[in-house]
Amino acid sequence: MDFLISNAYAQAPAAGSPEGIGLLGSPFVFIIIMVVMMFFMFRSQSKRQKELKAMIAALAKGDEVVSNGGIAGRIDDIGESFLTLEIAPDVKIKLQKTAISMVLPKGTLKSA
C-alpha cells in the first residue's frame, strides 16, 4: 500500500535565513513595539496633566466649578493653594485648588 502515499523528506533550509527565527520573531521588534506603546501612553498622560494645570491656573473669582467629590459651586475667594467655594447661599467650604476637576459654563448653577 506504499504506492498510494509518497514519502516525505525533510528539505534543507533556504540559504541566508536563520532556522526558526524570522524578523517578526526577534526580540528587537518586540522592544520597538513596547517603546512605541509607552511613548503614546506617557504622552497622553502628560498632555492631560498640562491641561489640568492650565485650567487650575486660569481659575478666577466667580467661576462655577465642580470638585473631584462632585460638589458644584461658585468660587468666592482664591488663595495660593486653597480656594473658597460657595455651594449655597451663605454656605462656603474651603478646598485645595487641585481638587477642582472641571469648570462649568457661566449660569449652569442658576439653571440647576
C-alpha atoms as a PDB file:
ATOM      1  CA  MET A   1       0.000   0.000   0.000  1.00  0.00           C
ATOM      2  CA  ASP A   2       3.017   2.294  -0.009  1.00  0.00           C
ATOM      3  CA  PHE A   3       2.491   3.142  -3.640  1.00  0.00           C
ATOM      4  CA  LEU A   4      -0.560   5.403  -2.775  1.00  0.00           C
ATOM      5  CA  ILE A   5       1.321   7.561  -0.257  1.00  0.00           C
ATOM      6  CA  SER A   6       4.557   9.239  -1.264  1.00  0.00           C
ATOM      7  CA  ASN A   7       7.364   9.553   1.232  1.00  0.00           C
ATOM      8  CA  ALA A   8       8.034  12.993   2.720  1.00  0.00           C
ATOM      9  CA  TYR A   9      11.660  14.003   3.055  1.00  0.00           C
ATOM     10  CA  ALA A  10      12.982  16.978   5.019  1.00  0.00           C
ATOM     11  CA  GLN A  11      14.307  19.830   2.931  1.00  0.00           C
ATOM     12  CA  ALA A  12      17.408  21.831   3.669  1.00  0.00           C
ATOM     13  CA  PRO A  13      16.767  25.381   4.995  1.00  0.00           C
ATOM     14  CA  ALA A  14      16.913  28.191   2.461  1.00  0.00           C
ATOM     15  CA  ALA A  15      20.297  29.880   2.160  1.00  0.00           C
ATOM     16  CA  GLY A  16      20.663  33.104   4.152  1.00  0.00           C
ATOM     17  CA  SER A  17      17.728  32.693   6.573  1.00  0.00           C
ATOM     18  CA  PRO A  18      18.224  31.522  10.153  1.00  0.00           C
ATOM     19  CA  GLU A  19      16.348  28.460  11.254  1.00  0.00           C
ATOM     20  CA  GLY A  20      13.181  29.013  13.291  1.00  0.00           C
ATOM     21  CA  ILE A  21      13.511  32.783  13.849  1.00  0.00           C
ATOM     22  CA  GLY A  22      12.154  35.207  11.327  1.00  0.00           C
ATOM     23  CA  LEU A  23      12.180  39.004  11.507  1.00  0.00           C
ATOM     24  CA  LEU A  24       8.870  39.128  13.408  1.00  0.00           C
ATOM     25  CA  GLY A  25      10.041  36.615  15.994  1.00  0.00           C
ATOM     26  CA  SER A  26      13.104  38.579  17.001  1.00  0.00           C
ATOM     27  CA  PRO A  27      13.218  40.397  20.341  1.00  0.00           C
ATOM     28  CA  PHE A  28      14.177  43.591  18.511  1.00  0.00           C
ATOM     29  CA  VAL A  29      10.661  44.034  17.088  1.00  0.00           C
ATOM     30  CA  PHE A  30       9.096  43.318  20.488  1.00  0.00           C
ATOM     31  CA  ILE A  31      11.257  46.031  22.100  1.00  0.00           C
ATOM     32  CA  ILE A  32      10.324  48.561  19.408  1.00  0.00           C
ATOM     33  CA  ILE A  33       6.606  47.871  19.896  1.00  0.00           C
ATOM     34  CA  MET A  34       6.926  48.292  23.678  1.00  0.00           C
ATOM     35  CA  VAL A  35       8.804  51.599  23.309  1.00  0.00           C
ATOM     36  CA  VAL A  36       6.191  52.995  20.912  1.00  0.00           C
ATOM     37  CA  MET A  37       3.352  51.904  23.234  1.00  0.00           C
ATOM     38  CA  MET A  38       4.993  53.524  26.265  1.00  0.00           C
ATOM     39  CA  PHE A  39       5.640  56.722  24.289  1.00  0.00           C
ATOM     40  CA  PHE A  40       1.952  57.117  23.430  1.00  0.00           C
ATOM     41  CA  MET A  41       0.786  56.267  26.962  1.00  0.00           C
ATOM     42  CA  PHE A  42       3.129  58.751  28.680  1.00  0.00           C
ATOM     43  CA  ARG A  43       2.479  61.416  26.068  1.00  0.00           C
ATOM     44  CA  SER A  44      -1.279  61.336  26.579  1.00  0.00           C
ATOM     45  CA  GLN A  45      -0.892  61.359  30.365  1.00  0.00           C
ATOM     46  CA  SER A  46       1.452  64.351  30.330  1.00  0.00           C
ATOM     47  CA  LYS A  47      -0.898  66.158  27.943  1.00  0.00           C
ATOM     48  CA  ARG A  48      -3.802  65.701  30.397  1.00  0.00           C
ATOM     49  CA  GLN A  49      -1.646  66.956  33.277  1.00  0.00           C
ATOM     50  CA  LYS A  50      -0.701  70.089  31.328  1.00  0.00           C
ATOM     51  CA  GLU A  51      -4.364  70.796  30.531  1.00  0.00           C
ATOM     52  CA  LEU A  52      -5.312  70.377  34.210  1.00  0.00           C
ATOM     53  CA  LYS A  53      -2.504  72.719  35.333  1.00  0.00           C
ATOM     54  CA  ALA A  54      -3.619  75.340  32.799  1.00  0.00           C
ATOM     55  CA  MET A  55      -7.240  75.051  33.970  1.00  0.00           C
ATOM     56  CA  ILE A  56      -6.254  75.459  37.632  1.00  0.00           C
ATOM     57  CA  ALA A  57      -4.018  78.437  36.826  1.00  0.00           C
ATOM     58  CA  ALA A  58      -6.896  80.137  34.963  1.00  0.00           C
ATOM     59  CA  LEU A  59      -9.402  79.886  37.837  1.00  0.00           C
ATOM     60  CA  ALA A  60     -10.918  83.230  38.805  1.00  0.00           C
ATOM     61  CA  LYS A  61     -13.404  84.543  41.336  1.00  0.00           C
ATOM     62  CA  GLY A  62     -16.965  83.900  40.166  1.00  0.00           C
ATOM     63  CA  ASP A  63     -16.155  80.786  38.096  1.00  0.00           C
ATOM     64  CA  GLU A  64     -18.543  77.875  38.517  1.00  0.00           C
ATOM     65  CA  VAL A  65     -16.654  74.645  39.150  1.00  0.00           C
ATOM     66  CA  VAL A  66     -17.092  71.005  40.153  1.00  0.00           C
ATOM     67  CA  SER A  67     -14.748  69.320  42.623  1.00  0.00           C
ATOM     68  CA  ASN A  68     -13.406  65.775  42.439  1.00  0.00           C
ATOM     69  CA  GLY A  69     -16.050  64.792  45.009  1.00  0.00           C
ATOM     70  CA  GLY A  70     -18.862  66.104  42.811  1.00  0.00           C
ATOM     71  CA  ILE A  71     -19.539  69.310  44.768  1.00  0.00           C
ATOM     72  CA  ALA A  72     -20.594  72.132  42.463  1.00  0.00           C
ATOM     73  CA  GLY A  73     -20.268  75.762  43.459  1.00  0.00           C
ATOM     74  CA  ARG A  74     -19.056  79.246  42.652  1.00  0.00           C
ATOM     75  CA  ILE A  75     -15.552  80.402  43.580  1.00  0.00           C
ATOM     76  CA  ASP A  76     -15.742  83.089  46.266  1.00  0.00           C
ATOM     77  CA  ASP A  77     -12.067  83.573  47.127  1.00  0.00           C
ATOM     78  CA  ILE A  78      -8.799  82.243  45.706  1.00  0.00           C
ATOM     79  CA  GLY A  79      -5.570  81.806  47.629  1.00  0.00           C
ATOM     80  CA  GLU A  80      -2.212  80.384  46.676  1.00  0.00           C
ATOM     81  CA  SER A  81      -3.152  76.717  47.124  1.00  0.00           C
ATOM     82  CA  PHE A  82      -6.708  76.867  48.502  1.00  0.00           C
ATOM     83  CA  LEU A  83      -9.963  78.405  47.346  1.00  0.00           C
ATOM     84  CA  THR A  84     -13.313  79.120  48.979  1.00  0.00           C
ATOM     85  CA  LEU A  85     -16.293  77.630  47.206  1.00  0.00           C
ATOM     86  CA  GLU A  86     -19.842  78.864  47.786  1.00  0.00           C
ATOM     87  CA  ILE A  87     -22.113  75.837  47.383  1.00  0.00           C
ATOM     88  CA  ALA A  88     -25.339  77.520  48.616  1.00  0.00           C
ATOM     89  CA  PRO A  89     -26.273  80.999  49.798  1.00  0.00           C
ATOM     90  CA  ASP A  90     -24.055  81.736  52.838  1.00  0.00           C
ATOM     91  CA  VAL A  91     -22.577  78.192  52.796  1.00  0.00           C
ATOM     92  CA  LYS A  92     -18.862  78.190  51.967  1.00  0.00           C
ATOM     93  CA  ILE A  93     -16.262  75.453  52.014  1.00  0.00           C
ATOM     94  CA  LYS A  94     -12.511  75.563  51.587  1.00  0.00           C
ATOM     95  CA  LEU A  95     -10.884  73.253  49.009  1.00  0.00           C
ATOM     96  CA  GLN A  96      -7.449  72.741  47.548  1.00  0.00           C
ATOM     97  CA  LYS A  97      -7.097  74.064  44.016  1.00  0.00           C
ATOM     98  CA  THR A  98      -6.061  70.609  42.831  1.00  0.00           C
ATOM     99  CA  ALA A  99      -9.453  69.236  43.962  1.00  0.00           C
ATOM    100  CA  ILE A 100     -11.189  71.056  41.094  1.00  0.00           C
ATOM    101  CA  SER A 101     -11.984  68.674  38.263  1.00  0.00           C
ATOM    102  CA  MET A 102     -13.785  70.922  35.779  1.00  0.00           C
ATOM    103  CA  VAL A 103     -15.007  74.448  35.131  1.00  0.00           C
ATOM    104  CA  LEU A 104     -18.683  74.778  34.255  1.00  0.00           C
ATOM    105  CA  PRO A 105     -20.103  77.270  31.738  1.00  0.00           C
ATOM    106  CA  LYS A 106     -21.424  80.508  33.282  1.00  0.00           C
ATOM    107  CA  GLY A 107     -25.016  80.260  34.507  1.00  0.00           C
ATOM    108  CA  THR A 108     -25.008  76.464  34.939  1.00  0.00           C
ATOM    109  CA  LEU A 109     -25.702  76.621  38.674  1.00  0.00           C
ATOM    110  CA  LYS A 110     -28.632  79.030  38.277  1.00  0.00           C
ATOM    111  CA  SER A 111     -30.420  76.614  35.948  1.00  0.00           C
ATOM    112  CA  ALA A 112     -29.975  73.636  38.276  1.00  0.00           C
END
